[in-house]
Amino acid sequence: MHICALLVAGSRTCRASGARGTASVPRPMPADDDSQTGGPVACAPCRGTGSVISNLGGEPSRVRCPWCEGEGTQIPGHDAQARERAGVAE
């Protein structure tokens, strides 16, 4: 693949070869989940399991997902880092 085949959307000139053109970037399709119907949406970071692998301390360990608080479903407007900023220990 030529380097200019990867033009950024809206770019007019390839800096490497001087080729001109416009690239189109495909938009992602909407997810096939319950968000369209108002139902619960699986937490993306933990993939709905409620836990993630943390490498803090140098050794991997399974911890409660801070994005969904271990529930496995997305919490709208939730700040996963608020607890750490407030200095609250688990």
PDB file of N, CA and C in Angstrom:
ATOM      1  N   MET A   1       0.849  -1.172   0.000  1.00  0.00           N
ATOM      2  CA  MET A   1       0.000   0.000   0.000  1.00  0.00           C
ATOM      3  C   MET A   1       0.894   1.234   0.000  1.00  0.00           C
ATOM      4  N   HIS A   2       0.574   2.152  -0.834  1.00  0.00           N
ATOM      5  CA  HIS A   2       1.329   3.400  -0.902  1.00  0.00           C
ATOM      6  C   HIS A   2       1.012   4.247   0.321  1.00  0.00           C
ATOM      7  N   ILE A   3       1.999   4.964   0.824  1.00  0.00           N
ATOM      8  CA  ILE A   3       1.822   5.777   2.026  1.00  0.00           C
ATOM      9  C   ILE A   3       0.709   6.806   1.858  1.00  0.00           C
ATOM     10  N   CYS A   4       0.492   7.278   0.653  1.00  0.00           N
ATOM     11  CA  CYS A   4      -0.533   8.295   0.430  1.00  0.00           C
ATOM     12  C   CYS A   4      -1.932   7.700   0.368  1.00  0.00           C
ATOM     13  N   ALA A   5      -2.053   6.384   0.380  1.00  0.00           N
ATOM     14  CA  ALA A   5      -3.376   5.769   0.418  1.00  0.00           C
ATOM     15  C   ALA A   5      -4.017   6.014   1.768  1.00  0.00           C
ATOM     16  N   LEU A   6      -3.233   6.448   2.750  1.00  0.00           N
ATOM     17  CA  LEU A   6      -3.742   6.677   4.093  1.00  0.00           C
ATOM     18  C   LEU A   6      -3.881   8.173   4.380  1.00  0.00           C
ATOM     19  N   LEU A   7      -4.368   8.919   3.419  1.00  0.00           N
ATOM     20  CA  LEU A   7      -4.574  10.354   3.613  1.00  0.00           C
ATOM     21  C   LEU A   7      -5.571  10.590   4.736  1.00  0.00           C
ATOM     22  N   VAL A   8      -5.332  11.609   5.513  1.00  0.00           N
ATOM     23  CA  VAL A   8      -6.273  11.989   6.557  1.00  0.00           C
ATOM     24  C   VAL A   8      -7.477  12.631   5.889  1.00  0.00           C
ATOM     25  N   ALA A   9      -8.673  12.387   6.431  1.00  0.00           N
ATOM     26  CA  ALA A   9      -9.878  12.953   5.833  1.00  0.00           C
ATOM     27  C   ALA A   9      -9.737  14.457   5.689  1.00  0.00           C
ATOM     28  N   GLY A  10     -10.035  14.957   4.521  1.00  0.00           N
ATOM     29  CA  GLY A  10      -9.948  16.380   4.260  1.00  0.00           C
ATOM     30  C   GLY A  10      -8.595  16.805   3.729  1.00  0.00           C
ATOM     31  N   SER A  11      -7.594  15.936   3.773  1.00  0.00           N
ATOM     32  CA  SER A  11      -6.259  16.274   3.288  1.00  0.00           C
ATOM     33  C   SER A  11      -6.299  16.372   1.774  1.00  0.00           C
ATOM     34  N   ARG A  12      -5.527  17.277   1.228  1.00  0.00           N
ATOM     35  CA  ARG A  12      -5.510  17.483  -0.212  1.00  0.00           C
ATOM     36  C   ARG A  12      -4.226  17.007  -0.872  1.00  0.00           C
ATOM     37  N   THR A  13      -3.099  17.007  -0.151  1.00  0.00           N
ATOM     38  CA  THR A  13      -1.823  16.665  -0.758  1.00  0.00           C
ATOM     39  C   THR A  13      -1.048  15.704   0.123  1.00  0.00           C
ATOM     40  N   CYS A  14      -0.496  14.672  -0.503  1.00  0.00           N
ATOM     41  CA  CYS A  14       0.361  13.734   0.206  1.00  0.00           C
ATOM     42  C   CYS A  14       1.749  14.354   0.292  1.00  0.00           C
ATOM     43  N   ARG A  15       2.279  14.491   1.482  1.00  0.00           N
ATOM     44  CA  ARG A  15       3.596  15.110   1.640  1.00  0.00           C
ATOM     45  C   ARG A  15       4.721  14.239   1.089  1.00  0.00           C
ATOM     46  N   ALA A  16       4.555  12.940   1.106  1.00  0.00           N
ATOM     47  CA  ALA A  16       5.622  12.048   0.653  1.00  0.00           C
ATOM     48  C   ALA A  16       5.808  12.097  -0.861  1.00  0.00           C
ATOM     49  N   SER A  17       4.710  12.085  -1.618  1.00  0.00           N
ATOM     50  CA  SER A  17       4.847  12.025  -3.068  1.00  0.00           C
ATOM     51  C   SER A  17       4.300  13.240  -3.797  1.00  0.00           C
ATOM     52  N   GLY A  18       3.560  14.099  -3.101  1.00  0.00           N
ATOM     53  CA  GLY A  18       2.959  15.249  -3.749  1.00  0.00           C
ATOM     54  C   GLY A  18       1.637  14.925  -4.421  1.00  0.00           C
ATOM     55  N   ALA A  19       1.177  13.681  -4.310  1.00  0.00           N
ATOM     56  CA  ALA A  19      -0.094  13.295  -4.914  1.00  0.00           C
ATOM     57  C   ALA A  19      -1.223  14.085  -4.259  1.00  0.00           C
ATOM     58  N   ARG A  20      -2.228  14.411  -5.078  1.00  0.00           N
ATOM     59  CA  ARG A  20      -3.351  15.175  -4.551  1.00  0.00           C
ATOM     60  C   ARG A  20      -4.591  14.288  -4.514  1.00  0.00           C
ATOM     61  N   GLY A  21      -5.481  14.578  -3.578  1.00  0.00           N
ATOM     62  CA  GLY A  21      -6.725  13.838  -3.501  1.00  0.00           C
ATOM     63  C   GLY A  21      -7.374  14.009  -2.143  1.00  0.00           C
ATOM     64  N   THR A  22      -8.493  13.392  -1.979  1.00  0.00           N
ATOM     65  CA  THR A  22      -9.220  13.437  -0.718  1.00  0.00           C
ATOM     66  C   THR A  22      -9.547  12.015  -0.315  1.00  0.00           C
ATOM     67  N   ALA A  23      -9.303  11.701   0.928  1.00  0.00           N
ATOM     68  CA  ALA A  23      -9.613  10.366   1.433  1.00  0.00           C
ATOM     69  C   ALA A  23     -10.917  10.410   2.203  1.00  0.00           C
ATOM     70  N   SER A  24     -11.652   9.345   2.136  1.00  0.00           N
ATOM     71  CA  SER A  24     -12.859   9.257   2.956  1.00  0.00           C
ATOM     72  C   SER A  24     -12.593   8.232   4.052  1.00  0.00           C
ATOM     73  N   VAL A  25     -13.069   8.547   5.230  1.00  0.00           N
ATOM     74  CA  VAL A  25     -12.884   7.663   6.368  1.00  0.00           C
ATOM     75  C   VAL A  25     -14.233   7.066   6.712  1.00  0.00           C
ATOM     76  N   PRO A  26     -14.341   5.733   6.695  1.00  0.00           N
ATOM     77  CA  PRO A  26     -15.635   5.125   6.996  1.00  0.00           C
ATOM     78  C   PRO A  26     -16.040   5.403   8.442  1.00  0.00           C
ATOM     79  N   ARG A  27     -17.306   5.685   8.643  1.00  0.00           N
ATOM     80  CA  ARG A  27     -17.824   5.914   9.988  1.00  0.00           C
ATOM     81  C   ARG A  27     -18.260   4.583  10.590  1.00  0.00           C
ATOM     82  N   PRO A  28     -18.043   4.404  11.891  1.00  0.00           N
ATOM     83  CA  PRO A  28     -18.455   3.145  12.503  1.00  0.00           C
ATOM     84  C   PRO A  28     -19.975   3.002  12.503  1.00  0.00           C
ATOM     85  N   MET A  29     -20.422   1.794  12.344  1.00  0.00           N
ATOM     86  CA  MET A  29     -21.844   1.504  12.379  1.00  0.00           C
ATOM     87  C   MET A  29     -22.316   1.554  13.825  1.00  0.00           C
ATOM     88  N   PRO A  30     -23.572   1.929  14.068  1.00  0.00           N
ATOM     89  CA  PRO A  30     -24.069   1.926  15.435  1.00  0.00           C
ATOM     90  C   PRO A  30     -24.022   0.514  16.010  1.00  0.00           C
ATOM     91  N   ALA A  31     -23.706   0.431  17.287  1.00  0.00           N
ATOM     92  CA  ALA A  31     -23.619  -0.872  17.952  1.00  0.00           C
ATOM     93  C   ALA A  31     -24.997  -1.511  18.022  1.00  0.00           C
ATOM     94  N   ASP A  32     -25.003  -2.821  17.948  1.00  0.00           N
ATOM     95  CA  ASP A  32     -26.241  -3.559  18.045  1.00  0.00           C
ATOM     96  C   ASP A  32     -26.473  -3.911  19.513  1.00  0.00           C
ATOM     97  N   ASP A  33     -26.847  -2.922  20.327  1.00  0.00           N
ATOM     98  CA  ASP A  33     -27.035  -3.159  21.746  1.00  0.00           C
ATOM     99  C   ASP A  33     -28.369  -2.575  22.190  1.00  0.00           C
ATOM    100  N   ASP A  34     -28.619  -2.602  23.488  1.00  0.00           N
ATOM    101  CA  ASP A  34     -29.881  -2.132  24.021  1.00  0.00           C
ATOM    102  C   ASP A  34     -29.949  -0.620  24.164  1.00  0.00           C
ATOM    103  N   SER A  35     -28.861   0.111  23.796  1.00  0.00           N
ATOM    104  CA  SER A  35     -28.877   1.561  23.954  1.00  0.00           C
ATOM    105  C   SER A  35     -29.949   2.195  23.083  1.00  0.00           C
ATOM    106  N   GLN A  36     -30.304   1.543  21.984  1.00  0.00           N
ATOM    107  CA  GLN A  36     -31.334   2.069  21.102  1.00  0.00           C
ATOM    108  C   GLN A  36     -32.715   1.938  21.742  1.00  0.00           C
ATOM    109  N   THR A  37     -32.897   0.940  22.597  1.00  0.00           N
ATOM    110  CA  THR A  37     -34.205   0.687  23.204  1.00  0.00           C
ATOM    111  C   THR A  37     -34.275   1.152  24.652  1.00  0.00           C
ATOM    112  N   GLY A  38     -33.172   1.702  25.177  1.00  0.00           N
ATOM    113  CA  GLY A  38     -33.193   2.199  26.542  1.00  0.00           C
ATOM    114  C   GLY A  38     -32.789   1.179  27.590  1.00  0.00           C
ATOM    115  N   GLY A  39     -32.426  -0.017  27.174  1.00  0.00           N
ATOM    116  CA  GLY A  39     -32.015  -1.055  28.116  1.00  0.00           C
ATOM    117  C   GLY A  39     -30.571  -0.861  28.551  1.00  0.00           C
ATOM    118  N   PRO A  40     -30.078  -1.712  29.448  1.00  0.00           N
ATOM    119  CA  PRO A  40     -28.697  -1.590  29.930  1.00  0.00           C
ATOM    120  C   PRO A  40     -27.682  -1.880  28.827  1.00  0.00           C
ATOM    121  N   VAL A  41     -26.550  -1.178  28.913  1.00  0.00           N
ATOM    122  CA  VAL A  41     -25.470  -1.345  27.951  1.00  0.00           C
ATOM    123  C   VAL A  41     -24.267  -1.917  28.693  1.00  0.00           C
ATOM    124  N   ALA A  42     -23.648  -2.949  28.139  1.00  0.00           N
ATOM    125  CA  ALA A  42     -22.489  -3.571  28.781  1.00  0.00           C
ATOM    126  C   ALA A  42     -21.357  -2.564  28.899  1.00  0.00           C
ATOM    127  N   CYS A  43     -20.635  -2.612  30.002  1.00  0.00           N
ATOM    128  CA  CYS A  43     -19.480  -1.749  30.238  1.00  0.00           C
ATOM    129  C   CYS A  43     -18.373  -2.150  29.264  1.00  0.00           C
ATOM    130  N   ALA A  44     -17.877  -1.192  28.484  1.00  0.00           N
ATOM    131  CA  ALA A  44     -16.856  -1.494  27.485  1.00  0.00           C
ATOM    132  C   ALA A  44     -15.509  -1.880  28.096  1.00  0.00           C
ATOM    133  N   PRO A  45     -14.988  -1.170  29.117  1.00  0.00           N
ATOM    134  CA  PRO A  45     -13.669  -1.528  29.647  1.00  0.00           C
ATOM    135  C   PRO A  45     -13.590  -2.957  30.205  1.00  0.00           C
ATOM    136  N   CYS A  46     -14.635  -3.416  30.879  1.00  0.00           N
ATOM    137  CA  CYS A  46     -14.588  -4.773  31.455  1.00  0.00           C
ATOM    138  C   CYS A  46     -15.371  -5.779  30.626  1.00  0.00           C
ATOM    139  N   ARG A  47     -15.988  -5.306  29.542  1.00  0.00           N
ATOM    140  CA  ARG A  47     -16.796  -6.153  28.652  1.00  0.00           C
ATOM    141  C   ARG A  47     -17.923  -6.852  29.401  1.00  0.00           C
ATOM    142  N   GLY A  48     -18.470  -6.145  30.391  1.00  0.00           N
ATOM    143  CA  GLY A  48     -19.624  -6.666  31.112  1.00  0.00           C
ATOM    144  C   GLY A  48     -19.306  -7.642  32.228  1.00  0.00           C
ATOM    145  N   THR A  49     -18.023  -7.865  32.513  1.00  0.00           N
ATOM    146  CA  THR A  49     -17.662  -8.830  33.557  1.00  0.00           C
ATOM    147  C   THR A  49     -17.650  -8.222  34.953  1.00  0.00           C
ATOM    148  N   GLY A  50     -17.505  -6.894  35.048  1.00  0.00           N
ATOM    149  CA  GLY A  50     -17.446  -6.230  36.350  1.00  0.00           C
ATOM    150  C   GLY A  50     -16.054  -6.181  36.949  1.00  0.00           C
ATOM    151  N   SER A  51     -15.057  -6.745  36.248  1.00  0.00           N
ATOM    152  CA  SER A  51     -13.685  -6.688  36.757  1.00  0.00           C
ATOM    153  C   SER A  51     -12.706  -6.491  35.613  1.00  0.00           C
ATOM    154  N   VAL A  52     -11.558  -5.910  35.952  1.00  0.00           N
ATOM    155  CA  VAL A  52     -10.486  -5.670  34.987  1.00  0.00           C
ATOM    156  C   VAL A  52      -9.178  -6.164  35.591  1.00  0.00           C
ATOM    157  N   ILE A  53      -8.159  -6.331  34.754  1.00  0.00           N
ATOM    158  CA  ILE A  53      -6.843  -6.741  35.233  1.00  0.00           C
ATOM    159  C   ILE A  53      -6.011  -5.483  35.460  1.00  0.00           C
ATOM    160  N   SER A  54      -5.496  -5.320  36.675  1.00  0.00           N
ATOM    161  CA  SER A  54      -4.655  -4.180  37.016  1.00  0.00           C
ATOM    162  C   SER A  54      -3.215  -4.650  37.146  1.00  0.00           C
ATOM    163  N   ASN A  55      -2.287  -3.860  36.614  1.00  0.00           N
ATOM    164  CA  ASN A  55      -0.869  -4.171  36.741  1.00  0.00           C
ATOM    165  C   ASN A  55      -0.193  -3.285  37.784  1.00  0.00           C
ATOM    166  N   LEU A  56      -0.969  -2.566  38.577  1.00  0.00           N
ATOM    167  CA  LEU A  56      -0.392  -1.741  39.632  1.00  0.00           C
ATOM    168  C   LEU A  56       0.346  -2.632  40.618  1.00  0.00           C
ATOM    169  N   GLY A  57       1.499  -2.206  41.055  1.00  0.00           N
ATOM    170  CA  GLY A  57       2.295  -3.015  41.978  1.00  0.00           C
ATOM    171  C   GLY A  57       3.191  -3.994  41.262  1.00  0.00           C
ATOM    172  N   GLY A  58       3.148  -4.022  39.933  1.00  0.00           N
ATOM    173  CA  GLY A  58       4.045  -4.866  39.161  1.00  0.00           C
ATOM    174  C   GLY A  58       3.541  -6.262  38.870  1.00  0.00           C
ATOM    175  N   GLU A  59       2.483  -6.691  39.517  1.00  0.00           N
ATOM    176  CA  GLU A  59       1.964  -8.030  39.275  1.00  0.00           C
ATOM    177  C   GLU A  59       0.482  -7.937  38.904  1.00  0.00           C
ATOM    178  N   PRO A  60       0.060  -8.580  37.822  1.00  0.00           N
ATOM    179  CA  PRO A  60      -1.345  -8.501  37.408  1.00  0.00           C
ATOM    180  C   PRO A  60      -2.284  -9.064  38.471  1.00  0.00           C
ATOM    181  N   SER A  61      -3.377  -8.349  38.705  1.00  0.00           N
ATOM    182  CA  SER A  61      -4.399  -8.842  39.634  1.00  0.00           C
ATOM    183  C   SER A  61      -5.765  -8.365  39.152  1.00  0.00           C
ATOM    184  N   ARG A  62      -6.789  -9.144  39.439  1.00  0.00           N
ATOM    185  CA  ARG A  62      -8.150  -8.809  39.023  1.00  0.00           C
ATOM    186  C   ARG A  62      -8.751  -7.882  40.084  1.00  0.00           C
ATOM    187  N   VAL A  63      -9.277  -6.727  39.620  1.00  0.00           N
ATOM    188  CA  VAL A  63      -9.894  -5.753  40.518  1.00  0.00           C
ATOM    189  C   VAL A  63     -11.275  -5.368  39.996  1.00  0.00           C
ATOM    190  N   ARG A  64     -12.093  -4.806  40.879  1.00  0.00           N
ATOM    191  CA  ARG A  64     -13.428  -4.354  40.498  1.00  0.00           C
ATOM    192  C   ARG A  64     -13.293  -3.242  39.466  1.00  0.00           C
ATOM    193  N   CYS A  65     -14.106  -3.277  38.445  1.00  0.00           N
ATOM    194  CA  CYS A  65     -14.047  -2.287  37.374  1.00  0.00           C
ATOM    195  C   CYS A  65     -14.462  -0.917  37.907  1.00  0.00           C
ATOM    196  N   PRO A  66     -13.579   0.087  37.795  1.00  0.00           N
ATOM    197  CA  PRO A  66     -13.928   1.418  38.291  1.00  0.00           C
ATOM    198  C   PRO A  66     -14.931   2.155  37.399  1.00  0.00           C
ATOM    199  N   TRP A  67     -15.116   1.719  36.160  1.00  0.00           N
ATOM    200  CA  TRP A  67     -16.030   2.396  35.245  1.00  0.00           C
ATOM    201  C   TRP A  67     -17.483   2.008  35.498  1.00  0.00           C
ATOM    202  N   CYS A  68     -17.721   0.776  35.920  1.00  0.00           N
ATOM    203  CA  CYS A  68     -19.104   0.338  36.176  1.00  0.00           C
ATOM    204  C   CYS A  68     -19.325  -0.030  37.636  1.00  0.00           C
ATOM    205  N   GLU A  69     -18.307   0.177  38.479  1.00  0.00           N
ATOM    206  CA  GLU A  69     -18.380  -0.156  39.912  1.00  0.00           C
ATOM    207  C   GLU A  69     -18.698  -1.636  40.130  1.00  0.00           C
ATOM    208  N   GLY A  70     -18.251  -2.487  39.192  1.00  0.00           N
ATOM    209  CA  GLY A  70     -18.418  -3.931  39.334  1.00  0.00           C
ATOM    210  C   GLY A  70     -19.759  -4.476  38.889  1.00  0.00           C
ATOM    211  N   GLU A  71     -20.635  -3.614  38.388  1.00  0.00           N
ATOM    212  CA  GLU A  71     -21.968  -4.049  37.970  1.00  0.00           C
ATOM    213  C   GLU A  71     -21.990  -4.672  36.576  1.00  0.00           C
ATOM    214  N   GLY A  72     -21.031  -4.312  35.724  1.00  0.00           N
ATOM    215  CA  GLY A  72     -20.977  -4.865  34.379  1.00  0.00           C
ATOM    216  C   GLY A  72     -21.797  -4.098  33.361  1.00  0.00           C
ATOM    217  N   THR A  73     -22.514  -3.046  33.797  1.00  0.00           N
ATOM    218  CA  THR A  73     -23.287  -2.230  32.873  1.00  0.00           C
ATOM    219  C   THR A  73     -22.824  -0.786  32.957  1.00  0.00           C
ATOM    220  N   GLN A  74     -22.915  -0.093  31.844  1.00  0.00           N
ATOM    221  CA  GLN A  74     -22.456   1.284  31.737  1.00  0.00           C
ATOM    222  C   GLN A  74     -23.258   2.188  32.672  1.00  0.00           C
ATOM    223  N   ILE A  75     -22.558   3.097  33.371  1.00  0.00           N
ATOM    224  CA  ILE A  75     -23.200   4.083  34.240  1.00  0.00           C
ATOM    225  C   ILE A  75     -23.055   5.437  33.550  1.00  0.00           C
ATOM    226  N   PRO A  76     -24.138   5.992  32.999  1.00  0.00           N
ATOM    227  CA  PRO A  76     -24.051   7.264  32.273  1.00  0.00           C
ATOM    228  C   PRO A  76     -23.496   8.377  33.166  1.00  0.00           C
ATOM    229  N   GLY A  77     -22.521   9.125  32.644  1.00  0.00           N
ATOM    230  CA  GLY A  77     -21.944  10.255  33.352  1.00  0.00           C
ATOM    231  C   GLY A  77     -21.033   9.899  34.507  1.00  0.00           C
ATOM    232  N   HIS A  78     -20.698   8.621  34.671  1.00  0.00           N
ATOM    233  CA  HIS A  78     -19.860   8.185  35.789  1.00  0.00           C
ATOM    234  C   HIS A  78     -18.394   8.546  35.546  1.00  0.00           C
ATOM    235  N   ASP A  79     -17.716   9.078  36.566  1.00  0.00           N
ATOM    236  CA  ASP A  79     -16.301   9.430  36.490  1.00  0.00           C
ATOM    237  C   ASP A  79     -15.510   8.350  37.221  1.00  0.00           C
ATOM    238  N   ALA A  80     -14.825   7.495  36.476  1.00  0.00           N
ATOM    239  CA  ALA A  80     -14.092   6.370  37.060  1.00  0.00           C
ATOM    240  C   ALA A  80     -12.924   6.808  37.925  1.00  0.00           C
ATOM    241  N   GLN A  81     -12.433   8.032  37.735  1.00  0.00           N
ATOM    242  CA  GLN A  81     -11.274   8.488  38.498  1.00  0.00           C
ATOM    243  C   GLN A  81     -11.650   9.385  39.672  1.00  0.00           C
ATOM    244  N   ALA A  82     -12.914   9.645  39.893  1.00  0.00           N
ATOM    245  CA  ALA A  82     -13.342  10.524  40.981  1.00  0.00           C
ATOM    246  C   ALA A  82     -12.902   9.992  42.338  1.00  0.00           C
ATOM    247  N   ARG A  83     -13.001   8.689  42.536  1.00  0.00           N
ATOM    248  CA  ARG A  83     -12.622   8.091  43.825  1.00  0.00           C
ATOM    249  C   ARG A  83     -11.151   8.340  44.131  1.00  0.00           C
ATOM    250  N   GLU A  84     -10.278   8.190  43.140  1.00  0.00           N
ATOM    251  CA  GLU A  84      -8.856   8.417  43.339  1.00  0.00           C
ATOM    252  C   GLU A  84      -8.541   9.890  43.610  1.00  0.00           C
ATOM    253  N   ARG A  85      -9.219  10.781  42.897  1.00  0.00           N
ATOM    254  CA  ARG A  85      -8.994  12.212  43.125  1.00  0.00           C
ATOM    255  C   ARG A  85      -9.439  12.627  44.522  1.00  0.00           C
ATOM    256  N   ALA A  86     -10.474  11.976  45.040  1.00  0.00           N
ATOM    257  CA  ALA A  86     -10.983  12.303  46.375  1.00  0.00           C
ATOM    258  C   ALA A  86     -10.131  11.657  47.472  1.00  0.00           C
ATOM    259  N   GLY A  87      -9.261  10.700  47.078  1.00  0.00           N
ATOM    260  CA  GLY A  87      -8.391  10.039  48.063  1.00  0.00           C
ATOM    261  C   GLY A  87      -9.090   8.948  48.847  1.00  0.00           C
ATOM    262  N   VAL A  88     -10.156   8.376  48.327  1.00  0.00           N
ATOM    263  CA  VAL A  88     -10.881   7.316  49.006  1.00  0.00           C
ATOM    264  C   VAL A  88     -10.250   5.974  48.669  1.00  0.00           C
ATOM    265  N   ALA A  89      -9.909   5.199  49.674  1.00  0.00           N
ATOM    266  CA  ALA A  89      -9.329   3.870  49.464  1.00  0.00           C
ATOM    267  C   ALA A  89     -10.430   2.832  49.444  1.00  0.00           C
ATOM    268  N   GLU A  90     -10.203   1.763  48.678  1.00  0.00           N
ATOM    269  CA  GLU A  90     -11.199   0.685  48.625  1.00  0.00           C
ATOM    270  C   GLU A  90     -11.102  -0.205  49.823  1.00  0.00           C
TER     271      GLU A  90
END
